[in-house]
Each structure stands twice: as C-alpha cells, then as structure tokens.
Amino acid sequence: MTSAQHPQTPHQPQQPAPTGPAPAGISWPLVAGLASMALLWPLTGLTGIGGTGAPRALGIVTLTAAVWIGVVGLGRVPRPVLTLTMTGLAFGVVALLVSTLVGGAGPGGEGAGAWTAVPALAMDAGWGALAGLVALGVQKARGGAR
C-alpha cells in the first residue's frame, strides 16, 4: 500500500484521564428540603413556640444556620457554597410566598412594599453563601472537602 491509499493522520497526544470523580452538581431536593426551614417562622408564630420578637427570630436564625451547616458540612455535600447560596435564595422565595399568602410581617406582608422583595432575596442568598463558607470550612477541617 502506498501512502496515497491510506493518508496518515497527524498524531494527537491522548488526554490524561481524570484522576478523581467529576464535581457533582447541586442537589435540588436537598436545597428544597433545607429551604423549607423558612416555614419555621409562620409555624412558630401560630403555635407560640419560641416567644415573640427578637428571641424568636434569633432562635430561628440560629437553628436554621446550624442545620444548614451541619447537613452540608458534615454530610460532605459537593459545592457547599453554591448549594447553600441557592438554599438561601430558595428560603427567601418560600418566605416571600408564605408572607404574601398569609400576610404578616416580612416581604409581601402588612406594610411592606413590593420593592422589599429583591433586597430580602439578596440578603437570604448572602446568608446562604456565608453558611456555605462555614460548611466548606467544616468539610476541610474534617478532611473531606470536594
């Protein structure tokens, strides 16, 4: 055979195989489950658990942060900062919908303008990102950061 019958293709070096598993995406069921903690605010208000005002708010914020950081940090969830940022945003959406549907204080509730929704969602996403950074720190401290 001559080279005219079988043209040679230029040699291309092989790509090295990935050494570990590819980073996983966001677990949307986990995000939804953690964001459902936004329901603590109306539930504690209806039942009277946790008192009223600042002590109740501080208790809900503390419990929510502890659960988010614990689940994501100790559970070695991939992409903890992005996961909890999206969780914070979803938390804000749930809170906004609940306050709009049942009223009360907060975005969409009594005395709140519609313009408050965007800053509230941004703040919730920011809190989620901060919790994600702490969860990442927990993962690194345990030697399991991905």
C-alpha atoms as a PDB file:
ATOM      1  CA  MET A   1       0.000   0.000   0.000  1.00  0.00           C
ATOM      2  CA  THR A   2       1.145   3.462  -0.672  1.00  0.00           C
ATOM      3  CA  SER A   3       0.679   6.497   1.441  1.00  0.00           C
ATOM      4  CA  ALA A   4      -1.731   7.861  -1.169  1.00  0.00           C
ATOM      5  CA  GLN A   5      -4.131   4.997  -0.414  1.00  0.00           C
ATOM      6  CA  HIS A   6      -4.050   5.466   3.370  1.00  0.00           C
ATOM      7  CA  PRO A   7      -3.253   9.050   4.313  1.00  0.00           C
ATOM      8  CA  GLN A   8      -1.742   9.381   7.723  1.00  0.00           C
ATOM      9  CA  THR A   9      -3.453  11.481  10.299  1.00  0.00           C
ATOM     10  CA  PRO A  10      -1.327  13.665  12.495  1.00  0.00           C
ATOM     11  CA  HIS A  11      -0.556  12.114  15.845  1.00  0.00           C
ATOM     12  CA  GLN A  12      -2.613  13.650  18.620  1.00  0.00           C
ATOM     13  CA  PRO A  13      -1.497  13.108  22.175  1.00  0.00           C
ATOM     14  CA  GLN A  14      -4.052  11.438  24.400  1.00  0.00           C
ATOM     15  CA  GLN A  15      -5.676  13.494  27.103  1.00  0.00           C
ATOM     16  CA  PRO A  16      -4.846  12.263  30.578  1.00  0.00           C
ATOM     17  CA  ALA A  17      -7.727  10.521  32.303  1.00  0.00           C
ATOM     18  CA  PRO A  18      -9.311  12.433  35.165  1.00  0.00           C
ATOM     19  CA  THR A  19      -7.812  11.366  38.463  1.00  0.00           C
ATOM     20  CA  GLY A  20     -10.987  11.667  40.529  1.00  0.00           C
ATOM     21  CA  PRO A  21     -14.712  11.911  40.130  1.00  0.00           C
ATOM     22  CA  ALA A  22     -16.082  14.972  38.393  1.00  0.00           C
ATOM     23  CA  PRO A  23     -17.602  17.523  40.768  1.00  0.00           C
ATOM     24  CA  ALA A  24     -21.268  16.851  41.248  1.00  0.00           C
ATOM     25  CA  GLY A  25     -23.914  19.438  40.648  1.00  0.00           C
ATOM     26  CA  ILE A  26     -26.349  20.906  43.104  1.00  0.00           C
ATOM     27  CA  SER A  27     -28.741  18.536  44.845  1.00  0.00           C
ATOM     28  CA  TRP A  28     -32.027  20.333  44.270  1.00  0.00           C
ATOM     29  CA  PRO A  29     -34.003  18.071  46.629  1.00  0.00           C
ATOM     30  CA  LEU A  30     -31.503  18.984  49.366  1.00  0.00           C
ATOM     31  CA  VAL A  31     -31.864  22.681  48.538  1.00  0.00           C
ATOM     32  CA  ALA A  32     -35.665  22.388  48.713  1.00  0.00           C
ATOM     33  CA  GLY A  33     -35.540  20.485  51.981  1.00  0.00           C
ATOM     34  CA  LEU A  34     -33.215  22.952  53.667  1.00  0.00           C
ATOM     35  CA  ALA A  35     -35.156  25.925  52.282  1.00  0.00           C
ATOM     36  CA  SER A  36     -38.343  24.547  53.814  1.00  0.00           C
ATOM     37  CA  MET A  37     -36.988  25.727  57.141  1.00  0.00           C
ATOM     38  CA  ALA A  38     -38.472  29.095  56.131  1.00  0.00           C
ATOM     39  CA  LEU A  39     -41.744  27.590  57.330  1.00  0.00           C
ATOM     40  CA  LEU A  40     -40.461  27.763  60.905  1.00  0.00           C
ATOM     41  CA  TRP A  41     -41.323  31.454  61.077  1.00  0.00           C
ATOM     42  CA  PRO A  42     -45.078  31.121  60.456  1.00  0.00           C
ATOM     43  CA  LEU A  43     -45.284  27.828  62.387  1.00  0.00           C
ATOM     44  CA  THR A  44     -43.676  29.282  65.499  1.00  0.00           C
ATOM     45  CA  GLY A  45     -45.889  32.341  65.170  1.00  0.00           C
ATOM     46  CA  LEU A  46     -49.039  30.212  65.042  1.00  0.00           C
ATOM     47  CA  THR A  47     -48.037  27.925  67.890  1.00  0.00           C
ATOM     48  CA  GLY A  48     -46.368  30.487  70.140  1.00  0.00           C
ATOM     49  CA  ILE A  49     -43.237  28.351  70.404  1.00  0.00           C
ATOM     50  CA  GLY A  50     -40.104  30.415  70.878  1.00  0.00           C
ATOM     51  CA  GLY A  51     -41.812  33.510  72.227  1.00  0.00           C
ATOM     52  CA  THR A  52     -42.098  36.682  70.187  1.00  0.00           C
ATOM     53  CA  GLY A  53     -39.895  39.314  68.652  1.00  0.00           C
ATOM     54  CA  ALA A  54     -36.117  39.168  68.718  1.00  0.00           C
ATOM     55  CA  PRO A  55     -35.717  35.990  70.817  1.00  0.00           C
ATOM     56  CA  ARG A  56     -37.893  34.044  68.382  1.00  0.00           C
ATOM     57  CA  ALA A  57     -36.087  35.473  65.348  1.00  0.00           C
ATOM     58  CA  LEU A  58     -32.663  34.739  66.853  1.00  0.00           C
ATOM     59  CA  GLY A  59     -33.730  31.193  67.696  1.00  0.00           C
ATOM     60  CA  ILE A  60     -34.982  30.524  64.164  1.00  0.00           C
ATOM     61  CA  VAL A  61     -31.879  32.026  62.538  1.00  0.00           C
ATOM     62  CA  THR A  62     -29.566  30.061  64.850  1.00  0.00           C
ATOM     63  CA  LEU A  63     -31.407  26.780  64.336  1.00  0.00           C
ATOM     64  CA  THR A  64     -31.554  27.261  60.561  1.00  0.00           C
ATOM     65  CA  ALA A  65     -27.839  28.083  60.314  1.00  0.00           C
ATOM     66  CA  ALA A  66     -26.889  25.111  62.498  1.00  0.00           C
ATOM     67  CA  VAL A  67     -28.962  22.696  60.413  1.00  0.00           C
ATOM     68  CA  TRP A  68     -27.682  24.054  57.078  1.00  0.00           C
ATOM     69  CA  ILE A  69     -24.041  23.995  58.154  1.00  0.00           C
ATOM     70  CA  GLY A  70     -24.392  20.636  59.859  1.00  0.00           C
ATOM     71  CA  VAL A  71     -26.123  18.898  56.964  1.00  0.00           C
ATOM     72  CA  VAL A  72     -23.870  20.319  54.265  1.00  0.00           C
ATOM     73  CA  GLY A  73     -20.606  20.404  56.222  1.00  0.00           C
ATOM     74  CA  LEU A  74     -20.866  17.075  57.984  1.00  0.00           C
ATOM     75  CA  GLY A  75     -22.664  15.434  55.064  1.00  0.00           C
ATOM     76  CA  ARG A  76     -19.810  16.318  52.709  1.00  0.00           C
ATOM     77  CA  VAL A  77     -22.190  17.792  50.154  1.00  0.00           C
ATOM     78  CA  PRO A  78     -20.332  18.834  46.992  1.00  0.00           C
ATOM     79  CA  ARG A  79     -20.146  22.557  46.213  1.00  0.00           C
ATOM     80  CA  PRO A  80     -21.245  23.705  49.680  1.00  0.00           C
ATOM     81  CA  VAL A  81     -21.074  27.447  48.996  1.00  0.00           C
ATOM     82  CA  LEU A  82     -23.164  27.263  45.830  1.00  0.00           C
ATOM     83  CA  THR A  83     -25.558  24.766  47.403  1.00  0.00           C
ATOM     84  CA  LEU A  84     -26.237  26.952  50.425  1.00  0.00           C
ATOM     85  CA  THR A  85     -26.372  30.145  48.351  1.00  0.00           C
ATOM     86  CA  MET A  86     -29.143  28.564  46.291  1.00  0.00           C
ATOM     87  CA  THR A  87     -30.721  27.304  49.530  1.00  0.00           C
ATOM     88  CA  GLY A  88     -30.733  30.842  50.916  1.00  0.00           C
ATOM     89  CA  LEU A  89     -32.348  32.139  47.748  1.00  0.00           C
ATOM     90  CA  ALA A  90     -34.974  29.385  47.833  1.00  0.00           C
ATOM     91  CA  PHE A  91     -35.516  30.091  51.550  1.00  0.00           C
ATOM     92  CA  GLY A  92     -36.247  33.709  50.645  1.00  0.00           C
ATOM     93  CA  VAL A  93     -38.677  32.698  47.908  1.00  0.00           C
ATOM     94  CA  VAL A  94     -40.548  30.398  50.313  1.00  0.00           C
ATOM     95  CA  ALA A  95     -40.655  33.119  52.977  1.00  0.00           C
ATOM     96  CA  LEU A  96     -41.859  35.662  50.424  1.00  0.00           C
ATOM     97  CA  LEU A  97     -44.605  33.354  49.157  1.00  0.00           C
ATOM     98  CA  VAL A  98     -45.777  32.454  52.649  1.00  0.00           C
ATOM     99  CA  SER A  99     -45.856  36.068  53.812  1.00  0.00           C
ATOM    100  CA  THR A 100     -47.706  37.075  50.654  1.00  0.00           C
ATOM    101  CA  LEU A 101     -50.283  34.289  51.007  1.00  0.00           C
ATOM    102  CA  VAL A 102     -50.938  34.519  54.737  1.00  0.00           C
ATOM    103  CA  GLY A 103     -49.841  38.063  55.466  1.00  0.00           C
ATOM    104  CA  GLY A 104     -47.887  39.194  58.452  1.00  0.00           C
ATOM    105  CA  ALA A 105     -44.557  40.900  58.733  1.00  0.00           C
ATOM    106  CA  GLY A 106     -41.963  40.490  56.037  1.00  0.00           C
ATOM    107  CA  PRO A 107     -41.793  40.975  52.296  1.00  0.00           C
ATOM    108  CA  GLY A 108     -45.278  40.830  50.858  1.00  0.00           C
ATOM    109  CA  GLY A 109     -46.856  41.116  54.317  1.00  0.00           C
ATOM    110  CA  GLU A 110     -48.545  44.026  56.052  1.00  0.00           C
ATOM    111  CA  GLY A 111     -46.893  47.354  55.486  1.00  0.00           C
ATOM    112  CA  ALA A 112     -44.189  46.004  53.171  1.00  0.00           C
ATOM    113  CA  GLY A 113     -43.711  47.394  49.720  1.00  0.00           C
ATOM    114  CA  ALA A 114     -43.072  45.131  46.756  1.00  0.00           C
ATOM    115  CA  TRP A 115     -39.650  46.754  46.391  1.00  0.00           C
ATOM    116  CA  THR A 116     -38.509  44.957  49.569  1.00  0.00           C
ATOM    117  CA  ALA A 117     -38.574  41.550  47.838  1.00  0.00           C
ATOM    118  CA  VAL A 118     -35.327  41.964  45.886  1.00  0.00           C
ATOM    119  CA  PRO A 119     -33.188  43.146  48.839  1.00  0.00           C
ATOM    120  CA  ALA A 120     -34.710  40.410  51.026  1.00  0.00           C
ATOM    121  CA  LEU A 121     -33.856  37.721  48.467  1.00  0.00           C
ATOM    122  CA  ALA A 122     -30.328  39.106  48.086  1.00  0.00           C
ATOM    123  CA  MET A 123     -29.862  39.081  51.852  1.00  0.00           C
ATOM    124  CA  ASP A 124     -31.120  35.482  52.118  1.00  0.00           C
ATOM    125  CA  ALA A 125     -28.751  34.392  49.338  1.00  0.00           C
ATOM    126  CA  GLY A 126     -25.918  36.208  51.133  1.00  0.00           C
ATOM    127  CA  TRP A 127     -26.682  34.425  54.410  1.00  0.00           C
ATOM    128  CA  GLY A 128     -26.722  31.151  52.489  1.00  0.00           C
ATOM    129  CA  ALA A 129     -23.324  31.918  50.961  1.00  0.00           C
ATOM    130  CA  LEU A 130     -21.909  32.743  54.389  1.00  0.00           C
ATOM    131  CA  ALA A 131     -23.275  29.461  55.783  1.00  0.00           C
ATOM    132  CA  GLY A 132     -21.766  27.716  52.745  1.00  0.00           C
ATOM    133  CA  LEU A 133     -18.334  29.135  53.547  1.00  0.00           C
ATOM    134  CA  VAL A 134     -18.628  27.856  57.112  1.00  0.00           C
ATOM    135  CA  ALA A 135     -19.798  24.448  55.819  1.00  0.00           C
ATOM    136  CA  LEU A 136     -16.805  24.370  53.460  1.00  0.00           C
ATOM    137  CA  GLY A 137     -14.567  25.082  56.439  1.00  0.00           C
ATOM    138  CA  VAL A 138     -16.188  22.193  58.312  1.00  0.00           C
ATOM    139  CA  GLN A 139     -15.578  19.922  55.335  1.00  0.00           C
ATOM    140  CA  LYS A 140     -11.920  20.965  55.094  1.00  0.00           C
ATOM    141  CA  ALA A 141     -11.429  20.532  58.836  1.00  0.00           C
ATOM    142  CA  ARG A 142     -12.788  17.007  58.542  1.00  0.00           C
ATOM    143  CA  GLY A 143     -10.578  16.318  55.516  1.00  0.00           C
ATOM    144  CA  GLY A 144     -13.461  15.751  53.156  1.00  0.00           C
ATOM    145  CA  ALA A 145     -13.776  18.932  51.091  1.00  0.00           C
ATOM    146  CA  ARG A 146     -14.566  18.290  47.471  1.00  0.00           C
END
